Amino acid sequence: IRIRPATDWSSYDPAVVRWRLDGEQRTAHLRELS
C-alpha cells in the first residue's frame, strides 16, 4: 500500500479538506478554499 503524492489526492473530498485544515498548512489551505 503506497502513499500517493498530494497532487493525486481528492481535493474536494470533505475528509481531505478537514484533515488539511487540521494540519500545519491550515492557513494556506484556508486561503485556497476561500
PDB file of all heavy atoms in Angstrom:
ATOM      1  N   ILE A   1       0.867  -1.182   0.000  1.00  0.00           N
ATOM      2  CA  ILE A   1       0.000   0.000   0.000  1.00  0.00           C
ATOM      3  C   ILE A   1       0.900   1.227   0.000  1.00  0.00           C
ATOM      4  O   ILE A   1       1.622   1.481   0.970  1.00  0.00           O
ATOM      5  CB  ILE A   1      -0.917  -0.003   1.240  1.00  0.00           C
ATOM      6  CG1 ILE A   1      -1.758  -1.294   1.247  1.00  0.00           C
ATOM      7  CG2 ILE A   1      -1.800   1.234   1.268  1.00  0.00           C
ATOM      8  CD1 ILE A   1      -2.126  -1.765   2.632  1.00  0.00           C
ATOM      9  N   ARG A   2       0.875   1.981  -1.081  1.00  0.00           N
ATOM     10  CA  ARG A   2       1.804   3.098  -1.241  1.00  0.00           C
ATOM     11  C   ARG A   2       1.084   4.426  -1.053  1.00  0.00           C
ATOM     12  O   ARG A   2      -0.021   4.624  -1.560  1.00  0.00           O
ATOM     13  CB  ARG A   2       2.445   3.053  -2.633  1.00  0.00           C
ATOM     14  CG  ARG A   2       3.532   4.101  -2.863  1.00  0.00           C
ATOM     15  CD  ARG A   2       4.164   3.944  -4.237  1.00  0.00           C
ATOM     16  NE  ARG A   2       3.198   4.205  -5.295  1.00  0.00           N
ATOM     17  CZ  ARG A   2       2.925   5.436  -5.767  1.00  0.00           C
ATOM     18  NH1 ARG A   2       3.538   6.490  -5.268  1.00  0.00           N
ATOM     19  NH2 ARG A   2       2.047   5.576  -6.730  1.00  0.00           N
ATOM     20  N   ILE A   3       1.740   5.335  -0.325  1.00  0.00           N
ATOM     21  CA  ILE A   3       1.183   6.672  -0.130  1.00  0.00           C
ATOM     22  C   ILE A   3       1.348   7.467  -1.419  1.00  0.00           C
ATOM     23  O   ILE A   3       2.441   7.567  -1.970  1.00  0.00           O
ATOM     24  CB  ILE A   3       1.900   7.411   1.026  1.00  0.00           C
ATOM     25  CG1 ILE A   3       1.916   6.562   2.301  1.00  0.00           C
ATOM     26  CG2 ILE A   3       1.228   8.765   1.267  1.00  0.00           C
ATOM     27  CD1 ILE A   3       0.567   6.171   2.819  1.00  0.00           C
ATOM     28  N   ARG A   4       0.251   8.030  -1.908  1.00  0.00           N
ATOM     29  CA  ARG A   4       0.278   8.767  -3.165  1.00  0.00           C
ATOM     30  C   ARG A   4       0.672  10.229  -2.939  1.00  0.00           C
ATOM     31  O   ARG A   4       0.514  10.772  -1.842  1.00  0.00           O
ATOM     32  CB  ARG A   4      -1.085   8.692  -3.846  1.00  0.00           C
ATOM     33  CG  ARG A   4      -1.503   7.279  -4.203  1.00  0.00           C
ATOM     34  CD  ARG A   4      -2.866   7.189  -4.817  1.00  0.00           C
ATOM     35  NE  ARG A   4      -2.906   7.829  -6.148  1.00  0.00           N
ATOM     36  CZ  ARG A   4      -3.892   7.636  -7.015  1.00  0.00           C
ATOM     37  NH1 ARG A   4      -4.912   6.825  -6.703  1.00  0.00           N
ATOM     38  NH2 ARG A   4      -3.900   8.228  -8.183  1.00  0.00           N
ATOM     39  N   PRO A   5       1.178  10.899  -3.973  1.00  0.00           N
ATOM     40  CA  PRO A   5       1.558  12.317  -3.835  1.00  0.00           C
ATOM     41  C   PRO A   5       0.337  13.207  -3.639  1.00  0.00           C
ATOM     42  O   PRO A   5      -0.781  12.846  -4.039  1.00  0.00           O
ATOM     43  CB  PRO A   5       2.265  12.623  -5.159  1.00  0.00           C
ATOM     44  CG  PRO A   5       1.756  11.599  -6.117  1.00  0.00           C
ATOM     45  CD  PRO A   5       1.492  10.359  -5.307  1.00  0.00           C
ATOM     46  N   ALA A   6       0.554  14.364  -3.039  1.00  0.00           N
ATOM     47  CA  ALA A   6      -0.543  15.290  -2.747  1.00  0.00           C
ATOM     48  C   ALA A   6      -1.304  15.694  -3.997  1.00  0.00           C
ATOM     49  O   ALA A   6      -2.506  15.978  -3.936  1.00  0.00           O
ATOM     50  CB  ALA A   6       0.000  16.525  -2.028  1.00  0.00           C
ATOM     51  N   THR A   7      -0.627  15.727  -5.130  1.00  0.00           N
ATOM     52  CA  THR A   7      -1.293  16.113  -6.378  1.00  0.00           C
ATOM     53  C   THR A   7      -2.352  15.106  -6.803  1.00  0.00           C
ATOM     54  O   THR A   7      -3.205  15.415  -7.646  1.00  0.00           O
ATOM     55  CB  THR A   7      -0.255  16.266  -7.504  1.00  0.00           C
ATOM     56  OG1 THR A   7       0.570  15.083  -7.555  1.00  0.00           O
ATOM     57  CG2 THR A   7       0.638  17.482  -7.268  1.00  0.00           C
ATOM     58  N   ASP A   8      -2.314  13.895  -6.239  1.00  0.00           N
ATOM     59  CA  ASP A   8      -3.306  12.866  -6.580  1.00  0.00           C
ATOM     60  C   ASP A   8      -4.533  12.898  -5.664  1.00  0.00           C
ATOM     61  O   ASP A   8      -5.558  12.295  -5.993  1.00  0.00           O
ATOM     62  CB  ASP A   8      -2.681  11.460  -6.477  1.00  0.00           C
ATOM     63  CG  ASP A   8      -1.683  11.183  -7.588  1.00  0.00           C
ATOM     64  OD1 ASP A   8      -1.592  11.995  -8.520  1.00  0.00           O
ATOM     65  OD2 ASP A   8      -0.987  10.149  -7.512  1.00  0.00           O
ATOM     66  N   TRP A   9      -4.421  13.540  -4.520  1.00  0.00           N
ATOM     67  CA  TRP A   9      -5.493  13.486  -3.529  1.00  0.00           C
ATOM     68  C   TRP A   9      -6.800  14.062  -4.078  1.00  0.00           C
ATOM     69  O   TRP A   9      -6.795  14.979  -4.914  1.00  0.00           O
ATOM     70  CB  TRP A   9      -5.115  14.267  -2.277  1.00  0.00           C
ATOM     71  CG  TRP A   9      -3.892  13.767  -1.572  1.00  0.00           C
ATOM     72  CD1 TRP A   9      -3.265  12.567  -1.747  1.00  0.00           C
ATOM     73  CD2 TRP A   9      -3.125  14.477  -0.591  1.00  0.00           C
ATOM     74  NE1 TRP A   9      -2.163  12.468  -0.931  1.00  0.00           N
ATOM     75  CE2 TRP A   9      -2.049  13.625  -0.209  1.00  0.00           C
ATOM     76  CE3 TRP A   9      -3.248  15.723   0.007  1.00  0.00           C
ATOM     77  CZ2 TRP A   9      -1.105  14.007   0.738  1.00  0.00           C
ATOM     78  CZ3 TRP A   9      -2.310  16.112   0.949  1.00  0.00           C
ATOM     79  CH2 TRP A   9      -1.256  15.252   1.308  1.00  0.00           C
ATOM     80  N   SER A  10      -7.917  13.557  -3.569  1.00  0.00           N
ATOM     81  CA  SER A  10      -9.236  14.084  -3.937  1.00  0.00           C
ATOM     82  C   SER A  10      -9.471  15.372  -3.149  1.00  0.00           C
ATOM     83  O   SER A  10     -10.002  15.363  -2.038  1.00  0.00           O
ATOM     84  CB  SER A  10     -10.321  13.050  -3.622  1.00  0.00           C
ATOM     85  OG  SER A  10     -10.137  11.878  -4.377  1.00  0.00           O
ATOM     86  N   SER A  11      -9.075  16.484  -3.740  1.00  0.00           N
ATOM     87  CA  SER A  11      -9.043  17.759  -3.018  1.00  0.00           C
ATOM     88  C   SER A  11     -10.404  18.220  -2.526  1.00  0.00           C
ATOM     89  O   SER A  11     -10.493  18.991  -1.567  1.00  0.00           O
ATOM     90  CB  SER A  11      -8.430  18.842  -3.913  1.00  0.00           C
ATOM     91  OG  SER A  11      -7.110  18.522  -4.257  1.00  0.00           O
ATOM     92  N   TYR A  12     -11.475  17.766  -3.186  1.00  0.00           N
ATOM     93  CA  TYR A  12     -12.815  18.202  -2.795  1.00  0.00           C
ATOM     94  C   TYR A  12     -13.503  17.220  -1.849  1.00  0.00           C
ATOM     95  O   TYR A  12     -14.649  17.445  -1.466  1.00  0.00           O
ATOM     96  CB  TYR A  12     -13.680  18.419  -4.034  1.00  0.00           C
ATOM     97  CG  TYR A  12     -13.218  19.566  -4.902  1.00  0.00           C
ATOM     98  CD1 TYR A  12     -12.474  19.340  -6.049  1.00  0.00           C
ATOM     99  CD2 TYR A  12     -13.507  20.882  -4.553  1.00  0.00           C
ATOM    100  CE1 TYR A  12     -12.030  20.385  -6.837  1.00  0.00           C
ATOM    101  CE2 TYR A  12     -13.075  21.937  -5.336  1.00  0.00           C
ATOM    102  CZ  TYR A  12     -12.333  21.688  -6.469  1.00  0.00           C
ATOM    103  OH  TYR A  12     -11.891  22.738  -7.245  1.00  0.00           O
ATOM    104  N   ASP A  13     -12.810  16.175  -1.480  1.00  0.00           N
ATOM    105  CA  ASP A  13     -13.382  15.232  -0.522  1.00  0.00           C
ATOM    106  C   ASP A  13     -13.452  15.912   0.848  1.00  0.00           C
ATOM    107  O   ASP A  13     -12.449  16.447   1.337  1.00  0.00           O
ATOM    108  CB  ASP A  13     -12.506  13.983  -0.436  1.00  0.00           C
ATOM    109  CG  ASP A  13     -13.116  12.917   0.451  1.00  0.00           C
ATOM    110  OD1 ASP A  13     -13.060  13.084   1.697  1.00  0.00           O
ATOM    111  OD2 ASP A  13     -13.622  11.920  -0.081  1.00  0.00           O
ATOM    112  N   PRO A  14     -14.625  15.919   1.503  1.00  0.00           N
ATOM    113  CA  PRO A  14     -14.762  16.618   2.785  1.00  0.00           C
ATOM    114  C   PRO A  14     -13.751  16.179   3.846  1.00  0.00           C
ATOM    115  O   PRO A  14     -13.248  17.010   4.606  1.00  0.00           O
ATOM    116  CB  PRO A  14     -16.199  16.295   3.213  1.00  0.00           C
ATOM    117  CG  PRO A  14     -16.919  16.043   1.936  1.00  0.00           C
ATOM    118  CD  PRO A  14     -15.913  15.377   1.035  1.00  0.00           C
ATOM    119  N   ALA A  15     -13.453  14.885   3.903  1.00  0.00           N
ATOM    120  CA  ALA A  15     -12.493  14.416   4.904  1.00  0.00           C
ATOM    121  C   ALA A  15     -11.093  14.940   4.607  1.00  0.00           C
ATOM    122  O   ALA A  15     -10.353  15.328   5.521  1.00  0.00           O
ATOM    123  CB  ALA A  15     -12.477  12.891   4.957  1.00  0.00           C
ATOM    124  N   VAL A  16     -10.716  14.976   3.330  1.00  0.00           N
ATOM    125  CA  VAL A  16      -9.405  15.508   2.957  1.00  0.00           C
ATOM    126  C   VAL A  16      -9.330  16.988   3.305  1.00  0.00           C
ATOM    127  O   VAL A  16      -8.319  17.467   3.843  1.00  0.00           O
ATOM    128  CB  VAL A  16      -9.125  15.281   1.458  1.00  0.00           C
ATOM    129  CG1 VAL A  16      -7.821  15.964   1.039  1.00  0.00           C
ATOM    130  CG2 VAL A  16      -9.053  13.783   1.155  1.00  0.00           C
ATOM    131  N   VAL A  17     -10.390  17.733   3.035  1.00  0.00           N
ATOM    132  CA  VAL A  17     -10.452  19.151   3.404  1.00  0.00           C
ATOM    133  C   VAL A  17     -10.276  19.299   4.914  1.00  0.00           C
ATOM    134  O   VAL A  17      -9.483  20.122   5.396  1.00  0.00           O
ATOM    135  CB  VAL A  17     -11.781  19.786   2.951  1.00  0.00           C
ATOM    136  CG1 VAL A  17     -11.921  21.198   3.512  1.00  0.00           C
ATOM    137  CG2 VAL A  17     -11.881  19.810   1.430  1.00  0.00           C
ATOM    138  N   ARG A  18     -11.010  18.482   5.679  1.00  0.00           N
ATOM    139  CA  ARG A  18     -10.950  18.568   7.141  1.00  0.00           C
ATOM    140  C   ARG A  18      -9.557  18.252   7.655  1.00  0.00           C
ATOM    141  O   ARG A  18      -9.022  18.957   8.516  1.00  0.00           O
ATOM    142  CB  ARG A  18     -11.973  17.603   7.744  1.00  0.00           C
ATOM    143  CG  ARG A  18     -12.115  17.711   9.272  1.00  0.00           C
ATOM    144  CD  ARG A  18     -13.090  16.661   9.796  1.00  0.00           C
ATOM    145  NE  ARG A  18     -14.180  16.450   8.865  1.00  0.00           N
ATOM    146  CZ  ARG A  18     -14.484  15.283   8.314  1.00  0.00           C
ATOM    147  NH1 ARG A  18     -13.767  14.195   8.593  1.00  0.00           N
ATOM    148  NH2 ARG A  18     -15.501  15.166   7.479  1.00  0.00           N
ATOM    149  N   TRP A  19      -8.949  17.200   7.121  1.00  0.00           N
ATOM    150  CA  TRP A  19      -7.624  16.808   7.585  1.00  0.00           C
ATOM    151  C   TRP A  19      -6.584  17.860   7.234  1.00  0.00           C
ATOM    152  O   TRP A  19      -5.657  18.114   8.000  1.00  0.00           O
ATOM    153  CB  TRP A  19      -7.241  15.451   6.996  1.00  0.00           C
ATOM    154  CG  TRP A  19      -8.082  14.318   7.494  1.00  0.00           C
ATOM    155  CD1 TRP A  19      -8.774  14.272   8.685  1.00  0.00           C
ATOM    156  CD2 TRP A  19      -8.359  13.079   6.833  1.00  0.00           C
ATOM    157  NE1 TRP A  19      -9.453  13.083   8.798  1.00  0.00           N
ATOM    158  CE2 TRP A  19      -9.220  12.327   7.678  1.00  0.00           C
ATOM    159  CE3 TRP A  19      -7.978  12.539   5.610  1.00  0.00           C
ATOM    160  CZ2 TRP A  19      -9.683  11.059   7.340  1.00  0.00           C
ATOM    161  CZ3 TRP A  19      -8.438  11.271   5.262  1.00  0.00           C
ATOM    162  CH2 TRP A  19      -9.274  10.540   6.120  1.00  0.00           C
ATOM    163  N   ARG A  20      -6.728  18.482   6.075  1.00  0.00           N
ATOM    164  CA  ARG A  20      -5.788  19.538   5.705  1.00  0.00           C
ATOM    165  C   ARG A  20      -5.957  20.751   6.613  1.00  0.00           C
ATOM    166  O   ARG A  20      -4.980  21.399   6.992  1.00  0.00           O
ATOM    167  CB  ARG A  20      -5.965  19.932   4.237  1.00  0.00           C
ATOM    168  CG  ARG A  20      -5.525  18.848   3.256  1.00  0.00           C
ATOM    169  CD  ARG A  20      -5.616  19.319   1.825  1.00  0.00           C
ATOM    170  NE  ARG A  20      -4.610  20.319   1.515  1.00  0.00           N
ATOM    171  CZ  ARG A  20      -4.537  20.977   0.355  1.00  0.00           C
ATOM    172  NH1 ARG A  20      -5.429  20.721  -0.596  1.00  0.00           N
ATOM    173  NH2 ARG A  20      -3.595  21.870   0.147  1.00  0.00           N
ATOM    174  N   LEU A  21      -7.197  21.068   6.968  1.00  0.00           N
ATOM    175  CA  LEU A  21      -7.433  22.189   7.880  1.00  0.00           C
ATOM    176  C   LEU A  21      -6.936  21.890   9.291  1.00  0.00           C
ATOM    177  O   LEU A  21      -6.648  22.806  10.061  1.00  0.00           O
ATOM    178  CB  LEU A  21      -8.924  22.540   7.912  1.00  0.00           C
ATOM    179  CG  LEU A  21      -9.473  23.210   6.652  1.00  0.00           C
ATOM    180  CD1 LEU A  21     -10.981  23.407   6.774  1.00  0.00           C
ATOM    181  CD2 LEU A  21      -8.785  24.547   6.397  1.00  0.00           C
ATOM    182  N   ASP A  22      -6.830  20.623   9.629  1.00  0.00           N
ATOM    183  CA  ASP A  22      -6.313  20.238  10.942  1.00  0.00           C
ATOM    184  C   ASP A  22      -4.781  20.307  10.995  1.00  0.00           C
ATOM    185  O   ASP A  22      -4.195  20.250  12.079  1.00  0.00           O
ATOM    186  CB  ASP A  22      -6.738  18.801  11.292  1.00  0.00           C
ATOM    187  CG  ASP A  22      -8.213  18.703  11.664  1.00  0.00           C
ATOM    188  OD1 ASP A  22      -8.822  19.748  11.952  1.00  0.00           O
ATOM    189  OD2 ASP A  22      -8.755  17.583  11.641  1.00  0.00           O
ATOM    190  N   GLY A  23      -4.130  20.414   9.844  1.00  0.00           N
ATOM    191  CA  GLY A  23      -2.677  20.319   9.786  1.00  0.00           C
ATOM    192  C   GLY A  23      -1.969  21.658   9.879  1.00  0.00           C
ATOM    193  O   GLY A  23      -2.583  22.722  10.025  1.00  0.00           O
ATOM    194  N   GLU A  24      -0.645  21.597   9.741  1.00  0.00           N
ATOM    195  CA  GLU A  24       0.184  22.790   9.891  1.00  0.00           C
ATOM    196  C   GLU A  24       0.013  23.772   8.736  1.00  0.00           C
ATOM    197  O   GLU A  24       0.321  24.961   8.881  1.00  0.00           O
ATOM    198  CB  GLU A  24       1.656  22.384  10.009  1.00  0.00           C
ATOM    199  CG  GLU A  24       1.974  21.617  11.286  1.00  0.00           C
ATOM    200  CD  GLU A  24       3.440  21.268  11.396  1.00  0.00           C
ATOM    201  OE1 GLU A  24       4.199  21.585  10.448  1.00  0.00           O
ATOM    202  OE2 GLU A  24       3.832  20.691  12.430  1.00  0.00           O
ATOM    203  N   GLN A  25      -0.467  23.282   7.585  1.00  0.00           N
ATOM    204  CA  GLN A  25      -0.672  24.156   6.431  1.00  0.00           C
ATOM    205  C   GLN A  25      -2.095  24.715   6.389  1.00  0.00           C
ATOM    206  O   GLN A  25      -2.595  25.094   5.334  1.00  0.00           O
ATOM    207  CB  GLN A  25      -0.374  23.379   5.142  1.00  0.00           C
ATOM    208  CG  GLN A  25       1.044  22.852   5.045  1.00  0.00           C
ATOM    209  CD  GLN A  25       2.068  23.967   5.122  1.00  0.00           C
ATOM    210  OE1 GLN A  25       1.940  24.988   4.454  1.00  0.00           O
ATOM    211  NE2 GLN A  25       3.089  23.778   5.959  1.00  0.00           N
ATOM    212  N   ARG A  26      -2.722  24.776   7.560  1.00  0.00           N
ATOM    213  CA  ARG A  26      -4.120  25.207   7.649  1.00  0.00           C
ATOM    214  C   ARG A  26      -4.349  26.569   6.986  1.00  0.00           C
ATOM    215  O   ARG A  26      -5.292  26.749   6.211  1.00  0.00           O
ATOM    216  CB  ARG A  26      -4.532  25.275   9.114  1.00  0.00           C
ATOM    217  CG  ARG A  26      -5.944  25.826   9.349  1.00  0.00           C
ATOM    218  CD  ARG A  26      -6.224  25.935  10.834  1.00  0.00           C
ATOM    219  NE  ARG A  26      -5.916  24.673  11.479  1.00  0.00           N
ATOM    220  CZ  ARG A  26      -5.151  24.557  12.569  1.00  0.00           C
ATOM    221  NH1 ARG A  26      -4.633  25.632  13.127  1.00  0.00           N
ATOM    222  NH2 ARG A  26      -4.925  23.377  13.099  1.00  0.00           N
ATOM    223  N   THR A  27      -3.515  27.540   7.294  1.00  0.00           N
ATOM    224  CA  THR A  27      -3.733  28.898   6.787  1.00  0.00           C
ATOM    225  C   THR A  27      -3.693  28.937   5.265  1.00  0.00           C
ATOM    226  O   THR A  27      -4.555  29.556   4.626  1.00  0.00           O
ATOM    227  CB  THR A  27      -2.681  29.857   7.358  1.00  0.00           C
ATOM    228  OG1 THR A  27      -2.791  29.874   8.795  1.00  0.00           O
ATOM    229  CG2 THR A  27      -2.896  31.266   6.840  1.00  0.00           C
ATOM    230  N   ALA A  28      -2.702  28.263   4.678  1.00  0.00           N
ATOM    231  CA  ALA A  28      -2.590  28.259   3.222  1.00  0.00           C
ATOM    232  C   ALA A  28      -3.789  27.564   2.590  1.00  0.00           C
ATOM    233  O   ALA A  28      -4.329  28.029   1.573  1.00  0.00           O
ATOM    234  CB  ALA A  28      -1.293  27.566   2.806  1.00  0.00           C
ATOM    235  N   HIS A  29      -4.229  26.455   3.197  1.00  0.00           N
ATOM    236  CA  HIS A  29      -5.369  25.729   2.622  1.00  0.00           C
ATOM    237  C   HIS A  29      -6.658  26.526   2.789  1.00  0.00           C
ATOM    238  O   HIS A  29      -7.501  26.555   1.883  1.00  0.00           O
ATOM    239  CB  HIS A  29      -5.508  24.363   3.284  1.00  0.00           C
ATOM    240  CG  HIS A  29      -6.511  23.474   2.611  1.00  0.00           C
ATOM    241  ND1 HIS A  29      -6.595  23.338   1.248  1.00  0.00           N
ATOM    242  CD2 HIS A  29      -7.506  22.688   3.113  1.00  0.00           C
ATOM    243  CE1 HIS A  29      -7.573  22.514   0.934  1.00  0.00           C
ATOM    244  NE2 HIS A  29      -8.143  22.122   2.043  1.00  0.00           N
ATOM    245  N   LEU A  30      -6.802  27.190   3.917  1.00  0.00           N
ATOM    246  CA  LEU A  30      -7.986  28.008   4.142  1.00  0.00           C
ATOM    247  C   LEU A  30      -8.043  29.134   3.115  1.00  0.00           C
ATOM    248  O   LEU A  30      -9.115  29.477   2.609  1.00  0.00           O
ATOM    249  CB  LEU A  30      -7.968  28.576   5.562  1.00  0.00           C
ATOM    250  CG  LEU A  30      -9.234  29.273   6.048  1.00  0.00           C
ATOM    251  CD1 LEU A  30     -10.422  28.331   5.984  1.00  0.00           C
ATOM    252  CD2 LEU A  30      -9.048  29.771   7.476  1.00  0.00           C
ATOM    253  N   ARG A  31      -6.897  29.675   2.766  1.00  0.00           N
ATOM    254  CA  ARG A  31      -6.847  30.724   1.749  1.00  0.00           C
ATOM    255  C   ARG A  31      -7.285  30.170   0.389  1.00  0.00           C
ATOM    256  O   ARG A  31      -8.064  30.806  -0.330  1.00  0.00           O
ATOM    257  CB  ARG A  31      -5.441  31.305   1.659  1.00  0.00           C
ATOM    258  CG  ARG A  31      -5.337  32.561   0.775  1.00  0.00           C
ATOM    259  CD  ARG A  31      -3.932  33.148   0.819  1.00  0.00           C
ATOM    260  NE  ARG A  31      -3.573  33.508   2.184  1.00  0.00           N
ATOM    261  CZ  ARG A  31      -2.571  32.943   2.869  1.00  0.00           C
ATOM    262  NH1 ARG A  31      -1.840  31.985   2.326  1.00  0.00           N
ATOM    263  NH2 ARG A  31      -2.310  33.313   4.101  1.00  0.00           N
ATOM    264  N   GLU A  32      -6.812  28.967   0.053  1.00  0.00           N
ATOM    265  CA  GLU A  32      -7.223  28.331  -1.203  1.00  0.00           C
ATOM    266  C   GLU A  32      -8.734  28.123  -1.244  1.00  0.00           C
ATOM    267  O   GLU A  32      -9.396  28.392  -2.255  1.00  0.00           O
ATOM    268  CB  GLU A  32      -6.534  26.979  -1.363  1.00  0.00           C
ATOM    269  CG  GLU A  32      -5.050  27.030  -1.619  1.00  0.00           C
ATOM    270  CD  GLU A  32      -4.442  25.645  -1.701  1.00  0.00           C
ATOM    271  OE1 GLU A  32      -5.056  24.677  -1.196  1.00  0.00           O
ATOM    272  OE2 GLU A  32      -3.347  25.522  -2.267  1.00  0.00           O
ATOM    273  N   LEU A  33      -9.263  27.628  -0.140  1.00  0.00           N
ATOM    274  CA  LEU A  33     -10.698  27.359  -0.075  1.00  0.00           C
ATOM    275  C   LEU A  33     -11.507  28.647  -0.142  1.00  0.00           C
ATOM    276  O   LEU A  33     -12.583  28.695  -0.751  1.00  0.00           O
ATOM    277  CB  LEU A  33     -11.017  26.595   1.216  1.00  0.00           C
ATOM    278  CG  LEU A  33     -10.491  25.165   1.269  1.00  0.00           C
ATOM    279  CD1 LEU A  33     -10.527  24.637   2.690  1.00  0.00           C
ATOM    280  CD2 LEU A  33     -11.295  24.255   0.349  1.00  0.00           C
ATOM    281  N   SER A  34     -10.994  29.700   0.469  1.00  0.00           N
ATOM    282  CA  SER A  34     -11.682  30.997   0.427  1.00  0.00           C
ATOM    283  C   SER A  34     -11.676  31.555  -0.992  1.00  0.00           C
ATOM    284  O   SER A  34     -12.651  32.180  -1.434  1.00  0.00           O
ATOM    285  CB  SER A  34     -11.013  31.979   1.389  1.00  0.00           C
ATOM    286  OG  SER A  34     -11.104  31.513   2.727  1.00  0.00           O
TER     287      SER A  34
END
